[in-house]
Structures are given as C-alpha cells and as structure tokens.
Amino acid sequence: MRSRLRSYIDRFGATGSLICAVHCALTPLLLAAIPSLGLSTWLGDGFERVFVVFVTVLGLFSLLWGYRRHRTFRALTVLLLGLAALWAGLLYWPLHHSVLPHALVMTLGGALVGLAHLINLRLNHWHIHDASCAH
C-alpha cells in the first residue's frame, strides 16, 4: 500500500510539473489571446504563485520520502535545481517581468521538477526489485 501511494504521489507530481512546463512554454504564445479568452485568472501571477508553492511542497514531500527508501541524491538534486529555477522565475524581478526569459526559466524549472519525479519513480522501482531479488 505504501509503495503504491509513493508511486501515485510521484506520478501525480511528474504529471503536474510537466503540465506546468507546458503552461510556461505556451503562455508567451497565448499572451495576446488571454484577455479575450477570459483566461487571465488561470494563467496569471496568482495561479503561478500557488502552483509553484504546491509543486514545491509536493516535490519535497515525495522526493524526501523516496530518498529515505533508496538513499540516492540524484532525484533530489534535479528537484532542487528545478525548484531554484521556478522560484527565481517567480521572485527575481527582472526575470519575472521579461516574457521570454521568464517563460524559458519556468519551463526549464517545471521540466526539471517533472524529471525529478520520474527519476524518483525509477529509483523506487529499482529499490523494490533489488530488495525482492536479494531474498
């Protein structure tokens, strides 16, 4: 049950982070259409802040939980790089207010966080199989 929950959380985190990366990549292309489509609430700064906080909490919880199991820093390192990019894009004023650099940094951050979840899934999967083969 616990490994299924761990796997579900990583899959959820990876999916959310990759959706975030797609959102960040597409937003500059849709900037002209956002007001006319009524999407400014969903694609605005408030949504971005909430999503980065959510991704941070979910990522840290999931990957620290995974680390306790597999004891490998690889996924945590990728996660921290991704979170650093997301927070820099959110809080560093020159980056946050420049459309293309902001989109690039946020897309990179979301992709790295998603990749970290996928690495964590793989490490947890290997750990389960290594443990079952040792017996």
C-alpha atoms as a PDB file:
ATOM      1  CA  MET A   1       0.000   0.000   0.000  1.00  0.00           C
ATOM      2  CA  ARG A   2       2.756   2.482   0.948  1.00  0.00           C
ATOM      3  CA  SER A   3       4.738   1.827  -2.249  1.00  0.00           C
ATOM      4  CA  ARG A   4       1.549   2.277  -4.298  1.00  0.00           C
ATOM      5  CA  LEU A   5       0.872   5.610  -2.550  1.00  0.00           C
ATOM      6  CA  ARG A   6       4.506   6.669  -3.087  1.00  0.00           C
ATOM      7  CA  SER A   7       4.243   5.764  -6.766  1.00  0.00           C
ATOM      8  CA  TYR A   8       0.943   7.629  -7.105  1.00  0.00           C
ATOM      9  CA  ILE A   9       2.386  10.769  -5.499  1.00  0.00           C
ATOM     10  CA  ASP A  10       5.417  10.719  -7.826  1.00  0.00           C
ATOM     11  CA  ARG A  11       3.233  10.158 -10.886  1.00  0.00           C
ATOM     12  CA  PHE A  12       0.943  12.980  -9.785  1.00  0.00           C
ATOM     13  CA  GLY A  13       3.938  15.263  -9.186  1.00  0.00           C
ATOM     14  CA  ALA A  14       5.554  14.394 -12.509  1.00  0.00           C
ATOM     15  CA  THR A  15       2.316  14.994 -14.398  1.00  0.00           C
ATOM     16  CA  GLY A  16       1.684  18.291 -12.632  1.00  0.00           C
ATOM     17  CA  SER A  17       5.236  19.501 -13.165  1.00  0.00           C
ATOM     18  CA  LEU A  18       5.209  18.611 -16.832  1.00  0.00           C
ATOM     19  CA  ILE A  19       1.843  20.349 -17.241  1.00  0.00           C
ATOM     20  CA  CYS A  20       3.456  23.345 -15.549  1.00  0.00           C
ATOM     21  CA  ALA A  21       6.334  23.218 -18.043  1.00  0.00           C
ATOM     22  CA  VAL A  22       3.880  23.130 -20.966  1.00  0.00           C
ATOM     23  CA  HIS A  23       1.921  26.006 -19.389  1.00  0.00           C
ATOM     24  CA  CYS A  24       5.116  28.051 -19.065  1.00  0.00           C
ATOM     25  CA  ALA A  25       6.159  27.300 -22.635  1.00  0.00           C
ATOM     26  CA  LEU A  26       2.774  28.150 -24.152  1.00  0.00           C
ATOM     27  CA  THR A  27       1.865  31.225 -22.114  1.00  0.00           C
ATOM     28  CA  PRO A  28       4.047  33.658 -24.110  1.00  0.00           C
ATOM     29  CA  LEU A  29       2.420  32.410 -27.313  1.00  0.00           C
ATOM     30  CA  LEU A  30      -1.040  32.973 -25.866  1.00  0.00           C
ATOM     31  CA  LEU A  31      -0.432  36.357 -24.213  1.00  0.00           C
ATOM     32  CA  ALA A  32      -2.436  38.250 -26.808  1.00  0.00           C
ATOM     33  CA  ALA A  33      -5.365  35.846 -26.556  1.00  0.00           C
ATOM     34  CA  ILE A  34      -5.524  35.509 -22.753  1.00  0.00           C
ATOM     35  CA  PRO A  35      -7.719  38.574 -22.040  1.00  0.00           C
ATOM     36  CA  SER A  36     -10.114  37.837 -24.889  1.00  0.00           C
ATOM     37  CA  LEU A  37     -10.478  34.195 -23.815  1.00  0.00           C
ATOM     38  CA  GLY A  38     -11.032  35.092 -20.152  1.00  0.00           C
ATOM     39  CA  LEU A  39      -8.051  33.015 -19.046  1.00  0.00           C
ATOM     40  CA  SER A  40      -6.183  35.724 -17.143  1.00  0.00           C
ATOM     41  CA  THR A  41      -7.306  34.255 -13.803  1.00  0.00           C
ATOM     42  CA  TRP A  42      -5.927  30.805 -14.658  1.00  0.00           C
ATOM     43  CA  LEU A  43      -2.716  31.967 -16.313  1.00  0.00           C
ATOM     44  CA  GLY A  44      -1.915  34.983 -14.137  1.00  0.00           C
ATOM     45  CA  ASP A  45       0.559  35.630 -11.337  1.00  0.00           C
ATOM     46  CA  GLY A  46      -1.718  34.345  -8.574  1.00  0.00           C
ATOM     47  CA  PHE A  47      -2.091  30.956 -10.243  1.00  0.00           C
ATOM     48  CA  GLU A  48       1.629  30.813 -10.841  1.00  0.00           C
ATOM     49  CA  ARG A  49       2.458  31.545  -7.196  1.00  0.00           C
ATOM     50  CA  VAL A  50       0.003  28.940  -5.892  1.00  0.00           C
ATOM     51  CA  PHE A  51       1.243  26.367  -8.382  1.00  0.00           C
ATOM     52  CA  VAL A  52       4.934  26.922  -7.512  1.00  0.00           C
ATOM     53  CA  VAL A  53       4.176  26.584  -3.787  1.00  0.00           C
ATOM     54  CA  PHE A  54       2.156  23.417  -4.446  1.00  0.00           C
ATOM     55  CA  VAL A  55       4.882  21.929  -6.671  1.00  0.00           C
ATOM     56  CA  THR A  56       7.497  22.755  -4.017  1.00  0.00           C
ATOM     57  CA  VAL A  57       5.594  21.125  -1.154  1.00  0.00           C
ATOM     58  CA  LEU A  58       4.602  18.058  -3.187  1.00  0.00           C
ATOM     59  CA  GLY A  59       8.076  17.645  -4.663  1.00  0.00           C
ATOM     60  CA  LEU A  60       9.911  17.946  -1.360  1.00  0.00           C
ATOM     61  CA  PHE A  61       7.499  15.613   0.410  1.00  0.00           C
ATOM     62  CA  SER A  62       7.588  12.984  -2.319  1.00  0.00           C
ATOM     63  CA  LEU A  63      11.310  13.043  -3.022  1.00  0.00           C
ATOM     64  CA  LEU A  64      12.377  13.162   0.622  1.00  0.00           C
ATOM     65  CA  TRP A  65      10.083  10.192   1.223  1.00  0.00           C
ATOM     66  CA  GLY A  66      11.676   8.433  -1.738  1.00  0.00           C
ATOM     67  CA  TYR A  67      15.178   9.342  -0.572  1.00  0.00           C
ATOM     68  CA  ARG A  68      14.536   7.642   2.763  1.00  0.00           C
ATOM     69  CA  ARG A  69      13.940   4.483   0.786  1.00  0.00           C
ATOM     70  CA  HIS A  70      16.597   4.496  -1.956  1.00  0.00           C
ATOM     71  CA  ARG A  71      19.268   6.776  -0.400  1.00  0.00           C
ATOM     72  CA  THR A  72      20.254   8.330  -3.735  1.00  0.00           C
ATOM     73  CA  PHE A  73      20.648  12.095  -4.155  1.00  0.00           C
ATOM     74  CA  ARG A  74      20.108  12.110  -7.937  1.00  0.00           C
ATOM     75  CA  ALA A  75      16.361  12.877  -7.843  1.00  0.00           C
ATOM     76  CA  LEU A  76      16.712  15.428  -5.027  1.00  0.00           C
ATOM     77  CA  THR A  77      19.470  17.253  -6.906  1.00  0.00           C
ATOM     78  CA  VAL A  78      17.346  17.549 -10.049  1.00  0.00           C
ATOM     79  CA  LEU A  79      14.359  18.632  -7.927  1.00  0.00           C
ATOM     80  CA  LEU A  80      16.346  21.362  -6.169  1.00  0.00           C
ATOM     81  CA  LEU A  81      17.664  22.692  -9.490  1.00  0.00           C
ATOM     82  CA  GLY A  82      14.120  22.765 -10.865  1.00  0.00           C
ATOM     83  CA  LEU A  83      12.727  24.464  -7.772  1.00  0.00           C
ATOM     84  CA  ALA A  84      15.546  27.027  -7.862  1.00  0.00           C
ATOM     85  CA  ALA A  85      14.614  27.868 -11.449  1.00  0.00           C
ATOM     86  CA  LEU A  86      10.895  28.115 -10.602  1.00  0.00           C
ATOM     87  CA  TRP A  87      11.470  30.337  -7.581  1.00  0.00           C
ATOM     88  CA  ALA A  88      13.970  32.511  -9.489  1.00  0.00           C
ATOM     89  CA  GLY A  89      11.423  32.985 -12.269  1.00  0.00           C
ATOM     90  CA  LEU A  90       8.758  33.830  -9.724  1.00  0.00           C
ATOM     91  CA  LEU A  91      10.688  36.106  -7.363  1.00  0.00           C
ATOM     92  CA  TYR A  92      13.592  37.635  -9.302  1.00  0.00           C
ATOM     93  CA  TRP A  93      12.028  40.838 -10.650  1.00  0.00           C
ATOM     94  CA  PRO A  94      13.974  41.202 -13.946  1.00  0.00           C
ATOM     95  CA  LEU A  95      13.231  37.580 -14.853  1.00  0.00           C
ATOM     96  CA  HIS A  96       9.614  37.700 -13.742  1.00  0.00           C
ATOM     97  CA  HIS A  97       8.806  40.756 -15.837  1.00  0.00           C
ATOM     98  CA  SER A  98      10.525  39.701 -19.072  1.00  0.00           C
ATOM     99  CA  VAL A  99       8.227  37.467 -21.093  1.00  0.00           C
ATOM    100  CA  LEU A 100      10.668  35.204 -22.934  1.00  0.00           C
ATOM    101  CA  PRO A 101      13.318  34.749 -20.195  1.00  0.00           C
ATOM    102  CA  HIS A 102      10.524  34.141 -17.652  1.00  0.00           C
ATOM    103  CA  ALA A 103       8.913  31.516 -19.882  1.00  0.00           C
ATOM    104  CA  LEU A 104      12.242  29.794 -20.506  1.00  0.00           C
ATOM    105  CA  VAL A 105      13.229  29.666 -16.818  1.00  0.00           C
ATOM    106  CA  MET A 106       9.783  28.490 -15.693  1.00  0.00           C
ATOM    107  CA  THR A 107       9.633  25.866 -18.452  1.00  0.00           C
ATOM    108  CA  LEU A 108      13.088  24.599 -17.507  1.00  0.00           C
ATOM    109  CA  GLY A 109      12.119  24.522 -13.824  1.00  0.00           C
ATOM    110  CA  GLY A 110       8.869  22.649 -14.455  1.00  0.00           C
ATOM    111  CA  ALA A 111      10.604  20.156 -16.727  1.00  0.00           C
ATOM    112  CA  LEU A 112      13.342  19.525 -14.128  1.00  0.00           C
ATOM    113  CA  VAL A 113      10.804  19.008 -11.341  1.00  0.00           C
ATOM    114  CA  GLY A 114       8.875  16.581 -13.536  1.00  0.00           C
ATOM    115  CA  LEU A 115      12.107  14.775 -14.409  1.00  0.00           C
ATOM    116  CA  ALA A 116      12.995  14.565 -10.697  1.00  0.00           C
ATOM    117  CA  HIS A 117       9.694  12.813 -10.002  1.00  0.00           C
ATOM    118  CA  LEU A 118      10.333  10.375 -12.847  1.00  0.00           C
ATOM    119  CA  ILE A 119      13.855   9.668 -11.554  1.00  0.00           C
ATOM    120  CA  ASN A 120      12.421   9.114  -8.077  1.00  0.00           C
ATOM    121  CA  LEU A 121       9.842   6.692  -9.501  1.00  0.00           C
ATOM    122  CA  ARG A 122      12.584   4.748 -11.244  1.00  0.00           C
ATOM    123  CA  LEU A 123      14.813   4.692  -8.151  1.00  0.00           C
ATOM    124  CA  ASN A 124      11.928   3.455  -6.004  1.00  0.00           C
ATOM    125  CA  HIS A 125      11.093   0.823  -8.622  1.00  0.00           C
ATOM    126  CA  TRP A 126      14.701  -0.415  -8.717  1.00  0.00           C
ATOM    127  CA  HIS A 127      14.832  -0.432  -4.922  1.00  0.00           C
ATOM    128  CA  ILE A 128      11.747  -2.668  -4.721  1.00  0.00           C
ATOM    129  CA  HIS A 129      13.112  -5.077  -7.319  1.00  0.00           C
ATOM    130  CA  ASP A 130      16.611  -5.154  -5.800  1.00  0.00           C
ATOM    131  CA  ALA A 131      15.135  -5.959  -2.391  1.00  0.00           C
ATOM    132  CA  SER A 132      12.914  -8.725  -3.767  1.00  0.00           C
ATOM    133  CA  CYS A 133      15.807 -10.279  -5.749  1.00  0.00           C
ATOM    134  CA  ALA A 134      18.094 -10.314  -2.693  1.00  0.00           C
ATOM    135  CA  HIS A 135      15.820 -12.712  -0.818  1.00  0.00           C
END
